[in-house]
Amino acid sequence: ESTQDCAAIITTVEKNIPDAVKEAVVKAAGGEKLSATPGYLG
């Protein structure tokens, strides 16, 4: 999805960074306190 070289890419080891960032920002915008511990571990 991100490069022009799909024909040579078998798969990708993905980090679901988009969902982690989205969730954090939406929660913070809603007034929720984001705790440094434990934080998020995908």
PDB file of all heavy atoms in Angstrom:
ATOM      1  N   GLU A   1       0.822  -1.205   0.000  1.00  0.00           N
ATOM      2  CA  GLU A   1       0.000   0.000   0.000  1.00  0.00           C
ATOM      3  C   GLU A   1       0.858   1.258   0.000  1.00  0.00           C
ATOM      4  O   GLU A   1       0.398   2.327  -0.403  1.00  0.00           O
ATOM      5  CB  GLU A   1      -0.925   0.003   1.223  1.00  0.00           C
ATOM      6  CG  GLU A   1      -1.949  -1.125   1.220  1.00  0.00           C
ATOM      7  CD  GLU A   1      -2.835  -1.111   2.442  1.00  0.00           C
ATOM      8  OE1 GLU A   1      -2.597  -0.287   3.356  1.00  0.00           O
ATOM      9  OE2 GLU A   1      -3.781  -1.934   2.500  1.00  0.00           O
ATOM     10  N   SER A   2       2.096   1.148   0.455  1.00  0.00           N
ATOM     11  CA  SER A   2       2.914   2.349   0.644  1.00  0.00           C
ATOM     12  C   SER A   2       4.084   2.481  -0.341  1.00  0.00           C
ATOM     13  O   SER A   2       4.699   3.535  -0.418  1.00  0.00           O
ATOM     14  CB  SER A   2       3.481   2.368   2.068  1.00  0.00           C
ATOM     15  OG  SER A   2       4.330   1.260   2.307  1.00  0.00           O
ATOM     16  N   THR A   3       4.404   1.414  -1.081  1.00  0.00           N
ATOM     17  CA  THR A   3       5.523   1.479  -2.022  1.00  0.00           C
ATOM     18  C   THR A   3       5.070   1.043  -3.418  1.00  0.00           C
ATOM     19  O   THR A   3       3.945   0.562  -3.599  1.00  0.00           O
ATOM     20  CB  THR A   3       6.690   0.562  -1.594  1.00  0.00           C
ATOM     21  OG1 THR A   3       6.410  -0.793  -1.982  1.00  0.00           O
ATOM     22  CG2 THR A   3       6.920   0.613  -0.083  1.00  0.00           C
ATOM     23  N   GLN A   4       5.970   1.189  -4.361  1.00  0.00           N
ATOM     24  CA  GLN A   4       5.698   0.772  -5.748  1.00  0.00           C
ATOM     25  C   GLN A   4       6.240  -0.630  -6.026  1.00  0.00           C
ATOM     26  O   GLN A   4       6.239  -1.071  -7.176  1.00  0.00           O
ATOM     27  CB  GLN A   4       6.360   1.769  -6.712  1.00  0.00           C
ATOM     28  CG  GLN A   4       5.889   3.199  -6.550  1.00  0.00           C
ATOM     29  CD  GLN A   4       4.403   3.359  -6.795  1.00  0.00           C
ATOM     30  OE1 GLN A   4       3.884   2.892  -7.815  1.00  0.00           O
ATOM     31  NE2 GLN A   4       3.710   4.002  -5.875  1.00  0.00           N
ATOM     32  N   ASP A   5       6.679  -1.317  -4.980  1.00  0.00           N
ATOM     33  CA  ASP A   5       7.417  -2.564  -5.178  1.00  0.00           C
ATOM     34  C   ASP A   5       6.673  -3.809  -4.706  1.00  0.00           C
ATOM     35  O   ASP A   5       7.284  -4.811  -4.336  1.00  0.00           O
ATOM     36  CB  ASP A   5       8.768  -2.466  -4.459  1.00  0.00           C
ATOM     37  CG  ASP A   5       9.591  -1.293  -4.961  1.00  0.00           C
ATOM     38  OD1 ASP A   5       9.483  -0.958  -6.152  1.00  0.00           O
ATOM     39  OD2 ASP A   5      10.330  -0.706  -4.159  1.00  0.00           O
ATOM     40  N   CYS A   6       5.349  -3.766  -4.762  1.00  0.00           N
ATOM     41  CA  CYS A   6       4.544  -4.878  -4.258  1.00  0.00           C
ATOM     42  C   CYS A   6       4.906  -6.210  -4.906  1.00  0.00           C
ATOM     43  O   CYS A   6       4.845  -7.256  -4.262  1.00  0.00           O
ATOM     44  CB  CYS A   6       3.060  -4.585  -4.474  1.00  0.00           C
ATOM     45  SG  CYS A   6       1.940  -5.820  -3.756  1.00  0.00           S
ATOM     46  N   ALA A   7       5.307  -6.175  -6.163  1.00  0.00           N
ATOM     47  CA  ALA A   7       5.622  -7.410  -6.889  1.00  0.00           C
ATOM     48  C   ALA A   7       6.757  -8.185  -6.241  1.00  0.00           C
ATOM     49  O   ALA A   7       6.919  -9.391  -6.489  1.00  0.00           O
ATOM     50  CB  ALA A   7       5.982  -7.101  -8.335  1.00  0.00           C
ATOM     51  N   ALA A   8       7.560  -7.505  -5.376  1.00  0.00           N
ATOM     52  CA  ALA A   8       8.693  -8.177  -4.723  1.00  0.00           C
ATOM     53  C   ALA A   8       8.526  -8.233  -3.208  1.00  0.00           C
ATOM     54  O   ALA A   8       9.471  -8.562  -2.498  1.00  0.00           O
ATOM     55  CB  ALA A   8       9.993  -7.463  -5.065  1.00  0.00           C
ATOM     56  N   ILE A   9       7.320  -7.928  -2.706  1.00  0.00           N
ATOM     57  CA  ILE A   9       7.071  -7.923  -1.260  1.00  0.00           C
ATOM     58  C   ILE A   9       6.093  -9.040  -0.912  1.00  0.00           C
ATOM     59  O   ILE A   9       4.916  -8.992  -1.288  1.00  0.00           O
ATOM     60  CB  ILE A   9       6.530  -6.561  -0.799  1.00  0.00           C
ATOM     61  CG1 ILE A   9       7.565  -5.461  -1.067  1.00  0.00           C
ATOM     62  CG2 ILE A   9       6.166  -6.603   0.686  1.00  0.00           C
ATOM     63  CD1 ILE A   9       7.080  -4.057  -0.774  1.00  0.00           C
ATOM     64  N   ILE A  10       6.584 -10.045  -0.209  1.00  0.00           N
ATOM     65  CA  ILE A  10       5.757 -11.202   0.138  1.00  0.00           C
ATOM     66  C   ILE A  10       4.691 -10.812   1.153  1.00  0.00           C
ATOM     67  O   ILE A  10       3.518 -11.164   1.043  1.00  0.00           O
ATOM     68  CB  ILE A  10       6.625 -12.349   0.687  1.00  0.00           C
ATOM     69  CG1 ILE A  10       7.665 -12.772  -0.348  1.00  0.00           C
ATOM     70  CG2 ILE A  10       5.749 -13.551   1.071  1.00  0.00           C
ATOM     71  CD1 ILE A  10       8.704 -13.754   0.182  1.00  0.00           C
ATOM     72  N   THR A  11       5.104 -10.067   2.176  1.00  0.00           N
ATOM     73  CA  THR A  11       4.192  -9.564   3.207  1.00  0.00           C
ATOM     74  C   THR A  11       4.920  -8.459   3.957  1.00  0.00           C
ATOM     75  O   THR A  11       6.056  -8.095   3.600  1.00  0.00           O
ATOM     76  CB  THR A  11       3.749 -10.682   4.175  1.00  0.00           C
ATOM     77  OG1 THR A  11       2.736 -10.172   5.070  1.00  0.00           O
ATOM     78  CG2 THR A  11       4.908 -11.199   5.001  1.00  0.00           C
ATOM     79  N   THR A  12       4.287  -7.925   4.978  1.00  0.00           N
ATOM     80  CA  THR A  12       4.880  -6.871   5.803  1.00  0.00           C
ATOM     81  C   THR A  12       4.663  -7.201   7.268  1.00  0.00           C
ATOM     82  O   THR A  12       3.583  -7.643   7.660  1.00  0.00           O
ATOM     83  CB  THR A  12       4.225  -5.502   5.500  1.00  0.00           C
ATOM     84  OG1 THR A  12       4.451  -5.153   4.136  1.00  0.00           O
ATOM     85  CG2 THR A  12       4.793  -4.413   6.402  1.00  0.00           C
ATOM     86  N   VAL A  13       5.710  -7.005   8.082  1.00  0.00           N
ATOM     87  CA  VAL A  13       5.568  -7.087   9.535  1.00  0.00           C
ATOM     88  C   VAL A  13       5.036  -5.727   9.978  1.00  0.00           C
ATOM     89  O   VAL A  13       5.765  -4.747  10.023  1.00  0.00           O
ATOM     90  CB  VAL A  13       6.913  -7.386  10.219  1.00  0.00           C
ATOM     91  CG1 VAL A  13       6.733  -7.462  11.729  1.00  0.00           C
ATOM     92  CG2 VAL A  13       7.506  -8.683   9.682  1.00  0.00           C
ATOM     93  N   GLU A  14       3.747  -5.679  10.249  1.00  0.00           N
ATOM     94  CA  GLU A  14       3.082  -4.406  10.523  1.00  0.00           C
ATOM     95  C   GLU A  14       3.044  -4.043  12.000  1.00  0.00           C
ATOM     96  O   GLU A  14       2.851  -4.899  12.856  1.00  0.00           O
ATOM     97  CB  GLU A  14       1.645  -4.441  10.011  1.00  0.00           C
ATOM     98  CG  GLU A  14       1.488  -4.422   8.519  1.00  0.00           C
ATOM     99  CD  GLU A  14       0.038  -4.276   8.105  1.00  0.00           C
ATOM    100  OE1 GLU A  14      -0.772  -5.173   8.444  1.00  0.00           O
ATOM    101  OE2 GLU A  14      -0.304  -3.276   7.453  1.00  0.00           O
ATOM    102  N   LYS A  15       3.199  -2.754  12.246  1.00  0.00           N
ATOM    103  CA  LYS A  15       2.844  -2.158  13.527  1.00  0.00           C
ATOM    104  C   LYS A  15       1.543  -1.403  13.293  1.00  0.00           C
ATOM    105  O   LYS A  15       1.454  -0.626  12.344  1.00  0.00           O
ATOM    106  CB  LYS A  15       3.881  -1.140  13.984  1.00  0.00           C
ATOM    107  CG  LYS A  15       5.257  -1.651  14.295  1.00  0.00           C
ATOM    108  CD  LYS A  15       6.124  -0.454  14.679  1.00  0.00           C
ATOM    109  CE  LYS A  15       7.552  -0.863  14.919  1.00  0.00           C
ATOM    110  NZ  LYS A  15       8.410   0.321  15.175  1.00  0.00           N
ATOM    111  N   ASN A  16       0.583  -1.608  14.158  1.00  0.00           N
ATOM    112  CA  ASN A  16      -0.682  -0.889  13.979  1.00  0.00           C
ATOM    113  C   ASN A  16      -0.581   0.485  14.632  1.00  0.00           C
ATOM    114  O   ASN A  16      -1.325   0.814  15.559  1.00  0.00           O
ATOM    115  CB  ASN A  16      -1.844  -1.686  14.564  1.00  0.00           C
ATOM    116  CG  ASN A  16      -3.192  -1.179  14.066  1.00  0.00           C
ATOM    117  OD1 ASN A  16      -3.275  -0.133  13.427  1.00  0.00           O
ATOM    118  ND2 ASN A  16      -4.235  -1.910  14.360  1.00  0.00           N
ATOM    119  N   ILE A  17       0.362   1.271  14.127  1.00  0.00           N
ATOM    120  CA  ILE A  17       0.578   2.622  14.651  1.00  0.00           C
ATOM    121  C   ILE A  17      -0.642   3.514  14.433  1.00  0.00           C
ATOM    122  O   ILE A  17      -1.027   4.269  15.332  1.00  0.00           O
ATOM    123  CB  ILE A  17       1.846   3.248  14.033  1.00  0.00           C
ATOM    124  CG1 ILE A  17       3.088   2.460  14.483  1.00  0.00           C
ATOM    125  CG2 ILE A  17       1.991   4.707  14.435  1.00  0.00           C
ATOM    126  CD1 ILE A  17       4.368   2.894  13.791  1.00  0.00           C
ATOM    127  N   PRO A  18      -1.285   3.449  13.254  1.00  0.00           N
ATOM    128  CA  PRO A  18      -2.430   4.342  13.049  1.00  0.00           C
ATOM    129  C   PRO A  18      -3.509   4.208  14.120  1.00  0.00           C
ATOM    130  O   PRO A  18      -3.993   5.216  14.647  1.00  0.00           O
ATOM    131  CB  PRO A  18      -2.954   3.932  11.667  1.00  0.00           C
ATOM    132  CG  PRO A  18      -1.743   3.434  10.952  1.00  0.00           C
ATOM    133  CD  PRO A  18      -0.954   2.706  12.017  1.00  0.00           C
ATOM    134  N   ASP A  19      -3.875   2.982  14.454  1.00  0.00           N
ATOM    135  CA  ASP A  19      -4.931   2.796  15.459  1.00  0.00           C
ATOM    136  C   ASP A  19      -4.488   3.245  16.843  1.00  0.00           C
ATOM    137  O   ASP A  19      -5.275   3.811  17.606  1.00  0.00           O
ATOM    138  CB  ASP A  19      -5.376   1.331  15.507  1.00  0.00           C
ATOM    139  CG  ASP A  19      -6.359   0.981  14.398  1.00  0.00           C
ATOM    140  OD1 ASP A  19      -6.705   1.886  13.598  1.00  0.00           O
ATOM    141  OD2 ASP A  19      -6.781  -0.186  14.313  1.00  0.00           O
ATOM    142  N   ALA A  20      -3.225   2.981  17.180  1.00  0.00           N
ATOM    143  CA  ALA A  20      -2.712   3.385  18.490  1.00  0.00           C
ATOM    144  C   ALA A  20      -2.722   4.899  18.638  1.00  0.00           C
ATOM    145  O   ALA A  20      -3.150   5.447  19.666  1.00  0.00           O
ATOM    146  CB  ALA A  20      -1.301   2.840  18.698  1.00  0.00           C
ATOM    147  N   VAL A  21      -2.258   5.604  17.588  1.00  0.00           N
ATOM    148  CA  VAL A  21      -2.231   7.065  17.618  1.00  0.00           C
ATOM    149  C   VAL A  21      -3.649   7.635  17.616  1.00  0.00           C
ATOM    150  O   VAL A  21      -3.971   8.542  18.389  1.00  0.00           O
ATOM    151  CB  VAL A  21      -1.429   7.608  16.414  1.00  0.00           C
ATOM    152  CG1 VAL A  21      -1.608   9.120  16.286  1.00  0.00           C
ATOM    153  CG2 VAL A  21       0.048   7.258  16.573  1.00  0.00           C
ATOM    154  N   LYS A  22      -4.491   7.103  16.752  1.00  0.00           N
ATOM    155  CA  LYS A  22      -5.882   7.568  16.693  1.00  0.00           C
ATOM    156  C   LYS A  22      -6.556   7.441  18.055  1.00  0.00           C
ATOM    157  O   LYS A  22      -7.181   8.395  18.547  1.00  0.00           O
ATOM    158  CB  LYS A  22      -6.659   6.760  15.657  1.00  0.00           C
ATOM    159  CG  LYS A  22      -8.158   7.081  15.631  1.00  0.00           C
ATOM    160  CD  LYS A  22      -8.924   6.110  14.746  1.00  0.00           C
ATOM    161  CE  LYS A  22     -10.431   6.352  14.860  1.00  0.00           C
ATOM    162  NZ  LYS A  22     -11.211   5.372  14.039  1.00  0.00           N
ATOM    163  N   GLU A  23      -6.451   6.271  18.657  1.00  0.00           N
ATOM    164  CA  GLU A  23      -7.107   6.032  19.943  1.00  0.00           C
ATOM    165  C   GLU A  23      -6.600   7.006  21.006  1.00  0.00           C
ATOM    166  O   GLU A  23      -7.388   7.570  21.772  1.00  0.00           O
ATOM    167  CB  GLU A  23      -6.854   4.594  20.396  1.00  0.00           C
ATOM    168  CG  GLU A  23      -7.499   4.253  21.723  1.00  0.00           C
ATOM    169  CD  GLU A  23      -7.217   2.828  22.167  1.00  0.00           C
ATOM    170  OE1 GLU A  23      -6.167   2.275  21.777  1.00  0.00           O
ATOM    171  OE2 GLU A  23      -8.044   2.265  22.901  1.00  0.00           O
ATOM    172  N   ALA A  24      -5.291   7.219  21.054  1.00  0.00           N
ATOM    173  CA  ALA A  24      -4.717   8.107  22.057  1.00  0.00           C
ATOM    174  C   ALA A  24      -5.222   9.538  21.893  1.00  0.00           C
ATOM    175  O   ALA A  24      -5.633  10.186  22.868  1.00  0.00           O
ATOM    176  CB  ALA A  24      -3.192   8.075  21.978  1.00  0.00           C
ATOM    177  N   VAL A  25      -5.203  10.033  20.667  1.00  0.00           N
ATOM    178  CA  VAL A  25      -5.597  11.423  20.426  1.00  0.00           C
ATOM    179  C   VAL A  25      -7.094  11.633  20.640  1.00  0.00           C
ATOM    180  O   VAL A  25      -7.517  12.635  21.230  1.00  0.00           O
ATOM    181  CB  VAL A  25      -5.170  11.861  19.004  1.00  0.00           C
ATOM    182  CG1 VAL A  25      -5.701  13.249  18.680  1.00  0.00           C
ATOM    183  CG2 VAL A  25      -3.652  11.833  18.890  1.00  0.00           C
ATOM    184  N   VAL A  26      -7.896  10.684  20.180  1.00  0.00           N
ATOM    185  CA  VAL A  26      -9.345  10.802  20.380  1.00  0.00           C
ATOM    186  C   VAL A  26      -9.689  10.788  21.867  1.00  0.00           C
ATOM    187  O   VAL A  26     -10.518  11.573  22.341  1.00  0.00           O
ATOM    188  CB  VAL A  26     -10.090   9.683  19.629  1.00  0.00           C
ATOM    189  CG1 VAL A  26     -11.562   9.634  20.051  1.00  0.00           C
ATOM    190  CG2 VAL A  26      -9.989   9.900  18.120  1.00  0.00           C
ATOM    191  N   LYS A  27      -9.038   9.919  22.618  1.00  0.00           N
ATOM    192  CA  LYS A  27      -9.272   9.871  24.061  1.00  0.00           C
ATOM    193  C   LYS A  27      -8.855  11.182  24.728  1.00  0.00           C
ATOM    194  O   LYS A  27      -9.572  11.726  25.561  1.00  0.00           O
ATOM    195  CB  LYS A  27      -8.506   8.699  24.691  1.00  0.00           C
ATOM    196  CG  LYS A  27      -9.130   7.338  24.466  1.00  0.00           C
ATOM    197  CD  LYS A  27      -8.329   6.256  25.170  1.00  0.00           C
ATOM    198  CE  LYS A  27      -8.998   4.894  25.046  1.00  0.00           C
ATOM    199  NZ  LYS A  27      -8.200   3.831  25.729  1.00  0.00           N
ATOM    200  N   ALA A  28      -7.665  11.664  24.368  1.00  0.00           N
ATOM    201  CA  ALA A  28      -7.164  12.902  24.967  1.00  0.00           C
ATOM    202  C   ALA A  28      -8.068  14.083  24.618  1.00  0.00           C
ATOM    203  O   ALA A  28      -8.361  14.930  25.469  1.00  0.00           O
ATOM    204  CB  ALA A  28      -5.738  13.161  24.507  1.00  0.00           C
ATOM    205  N   ALA A  29      -8.540  14.120  23.365  1.00  0.00           N
ATOM    206  CA  ALA A  29      -9.434  15.208  22.945  1.00  0.00           C
ATOM    207  C   ALA A  29     -10.762  15.150  23.686  1.00  0.00           C
ATOM    208  O   ALA A  29     -11.414  16.183  23.894  1.00  0.00           O
ATOM    209  CB  ALA A  29      -9.670  15.141  21.441  1.00  0.00           C
ATOM    210  N   GLY A  30     -11.133  13.948  24.108  1.00  0.00           N
ATOM    211  CA  GLY A  30     -12.376  13.773  24.859  1.00  0.00           C
ATOM    212  C   GLY A  30     -12.226  14.029  26.348  1.00  0.00           C
ATOM    213  O   GLY A  30     -13.181  13.841  27.115  1.00  0.00           O
ATOM    214  N   GLY A  31     -11.025  14.427  26.739  1.00  0.00           N
ATOM    215  CA  GLY A  31     -10.801  14.774  28.141  1.00  0.00           C
ATOM    216  C   GLY A  31     -10.252  13.652  28.995  1.00  0.00           C
ATOM    217  O   GLY A  31     -10.080  13.814  30.209  1.00  0.00           O
ATOM    218  N   GLU A  32      -9.950  12.510  28.371  1.00  0.00           N
ATOM    219  CA  GLU A  32      -9.440  11.376  29.145  1.00  0.00           C
ATOM    220  C   GLU A  32      -7.948  11.553  29.434  1.00  0.00           C
ATOM    221  O   GLU A  32      -7.176  11.975  28.573  1.00  0.00           O
ATOM    222  CB  GLU A  32      -9.667  10.078  28.373  1.00  0.00           C
ATOM    223  CG  GLU A  32      -9.298   8.821  29.160  1.00  0.00           C
ATOM    224  CD  GLU A  32      -9.728   7.548  28.449  1.00  0.00           C
ATOM    225  OE1 GLU A  32     -10.721   7.590  27.693  1.00  0.00           O
ATOM    226  OE2 GLU A  32      -9.070   6.516  28.651  1.00  0.00           O
ATOM    227  N   LYS A  33      -7.559  11.230  30.643  1.00  0.00           N
ATOM    228  CA  LYS A  33      -6.156  11.301  31.031  1.00  0.00           C
ATOM    229  C   LYS A  33      -5.415  10.098  30.462  1.00  0.00           C
ATOM    230  O   LYS A  33      -5.821   8.949  30.640  1.00  0.00           O
ATOM    231  CB  LYS A  33      -6.040  11.312  32.562  1.00  0.00           C
ATOM    232  CG  LYS A  33      -4.619  11.185  33.108  1.00  0.00           C
ATOM    233  CD  LYS A  33      -3.775  12.392  32.812  1.00  0.00           C
ATOM    234  CE  LYS A  33      -2.399  12.276  33.480  1.00  0.00           C
ATOM    235  NZ  LYS A  33      -1.502  13.401  33.096  1.00  0.00           N
ATOM    236  N   LEU A  34      -4.319  10.355  29.761  1.00  0.00           N
ATOM    237  CA  LEU A  34      -3.505   9.283  29.201  1.00  0.00           C
ATOM    238  C   LEU A  34      -2.397   8.944  30.189  1.00  0.00           C
ATOM    239  O   LEU A  34      -1.566   9.788  30.507  1.00  0.00           O
ATOM    240  CB  LEU A  34      -2.907   9.702  27.859  1.00  0.00           C
ATOM    241  CG  LEU A  34      -3.894  10.016  26.736  1.00  0.00           C
ATOM    242  CD1 LEU A  34      -3.141  10.477  25.495  1.00  0.00           C
ATOM    243  CD2 LEU A  34      -4.764   8.812  26.406  1.00  0.00           C
ATOM    244  N   SER A  35      -2.372   7.708  30.637  1.00  0.00           N
ATOM    245  CA  SER A  35      -1.410   7.301  31.649  1.00  0.00           C
ATOM    246  C   SER A  35      -0.103   6.835  31.011  1.00  0.00           C
ATOM    247  O   SER A  35      -0.099   6.066  30.045  1.00  0.00           O
ATOM    248  CB  SER A  35      -1.994   6.168  32.498  1.00  0.00           C
ATOM    249  OG  SER A  35      -1.039   5.675  33.403  1.00  0.00           O
ATOM    250  N   ALA A  36       1.000   7.314  31.569  1.00  0.00           N
ATOM    251  CA  ALA A  36       2.315   6.911  31.068  1.00  0.00           C
ATOM    252  C   ALA A  36       2.610   5.449  31.398  1.00  0.00           C
ATOM    253  O   ALA A  36       3.430   4.811  30.742  1.00  0.00           O
ATOM    254  CB  ALA A  36       3.399   7.804  31.653  1.00  0.00           C
ATOM    255  N   THR A  37       1.945   4.949  32.412  1.00  0.00           N
ATOM    256  CA  THR A  37       2.104   3.551  32.813  1.00  0.00           C
ATOM    257  C   THR A  37       0.732   2.884  32.872  1.00  0.00           C
ATOM    258  O   THR A  37      -0.154   3.374  33.577  1.00  0.00           O
ATOM    259  CB  THR A  37       2.769   3.448  34.196  1.00  0.00           C
ATOM    260  OG1 THR A  37       4.022   4.148  34.151  1.00  0.00           O
ATOM    261  CG2 THR A  37       3.021   2.009  34.590  1.00  0.00           C
ATOM    262  N   PRO A  38       0.482   1.822  32.139  1.00  0.00           N
ATOM    263  CA  PRO A  38       1.453   1.109  31.306  1.00  0.00           C
ATOM    264  C   PRO A  38       1.624   1.674  29.903  1.00  0.00           C
ATOM    265  O   PRO A  38       2.489   1.213  29.166  1.00  0.00           O
ATOM    266  CB  PRO A  38       0.854  -0.291  31.238  1.00  0.00           C
ATOM    267  CG  PRO A  38      -0.623  -0.043  31.243  1.00  0.00           C
ATOM    268  CD  PRO A  38      -0.826   1.136  32.165  1.00  0.00           C
ATOM    269  N   GLY A  39       0.797   2.651  29.508  1.00  0.00           N
ATOM    270  CA  GLY A  39       0.849   3.108  28.128  1.00  0.00           C
ATOM    271  C   GLY A  39       0.212   2.089  27.209  1.00  0.00           C
ATOM    272  O   GLY A  39      -0.643   1.311  27.622  1.00  0.00           O
ATOM    273  N   TYR A  40       0.646   2.071  25.961  1.00  0.00           N
ATOM    274  CA  TYR A  40       0.093   1.131  24.990  1.00  0.00           C
ATOM    275  C   TYR A  40       1.179   0.172  24.525  1.00  0.00           C
ATOM    276  O   TYR A  40       2.286   0.593  24.185  1.00  0.00           O
ATOM    277  CB  TYR A  40      -0.465   1.875  23.768  1.00  0.00           C
ATOM    278  CG  TYR A  40      -0.886   0.950  22.647  1.00  0.00           C
ATOM    279  CD1 TYR A  40      -2.130   0.334  22.652  1.00  0.00           C
ATOM    280  CD2 TYR A  40      -0.015   0.657  21.582  1.00  0.00           C
ATOM    281  CE1 TYR A  40      -2.514  -0.539  21.640  1.00  0.00           C
ATOM    282  CE2 TYR A  40      -0.383  -0.208  20.561  1.00  0.00           C
ATOM    283  CZ  TYR A  40      -1.633  -0.803  20.603  1.00  0.00           C
ATOM    284  OH  TYR A  40      -2.011  -1.677  19.602  1.00  0.00           O
ATOM    285  N   LEU A  41       0.851  -1.127  24.508  1.00  0.00           N
ATOM    286  CA  LEU A  41       1.764  -2.139  23.983  1.00  0.00           C
ATOM    287  C   LEU A  41       1.017  -2.992  22.968  1.00  0.00           C
ATOM    288  O   LEU A  41       0.105  -3.750  23.322  1.00  0.00           O
ATOM    289  CB  LEU A  41       2.314  -3.023  25.103  1.00  0.00           C
ATOM    290  CG  LEU A  41       3.222  -4.176  24.642  1.00  0.00           C
ATOM    291  CD1 LEU A  41       4.435  -3.649  23.878  1.00  0.00           C
ATOM    292  CD2 LEU A  41       3.676  -5.016  25.828  1.00  0.00           C
ATOM    293  N   GLY A  42       1.397  -2.865  21.707  1.00  0.00           N
ATOM    294  CA  GLY A  42       0.774  -3.650  20.656  1.00  0.00           C
ATOM    295  C   GLY A  42       1.438  -5.003  20.512  1.00  0.00           C
ATOM    296  O   GLY A  42       2.664  -5.107  20.491  1.00  0.00           O
TER     297      GLY A  42
END
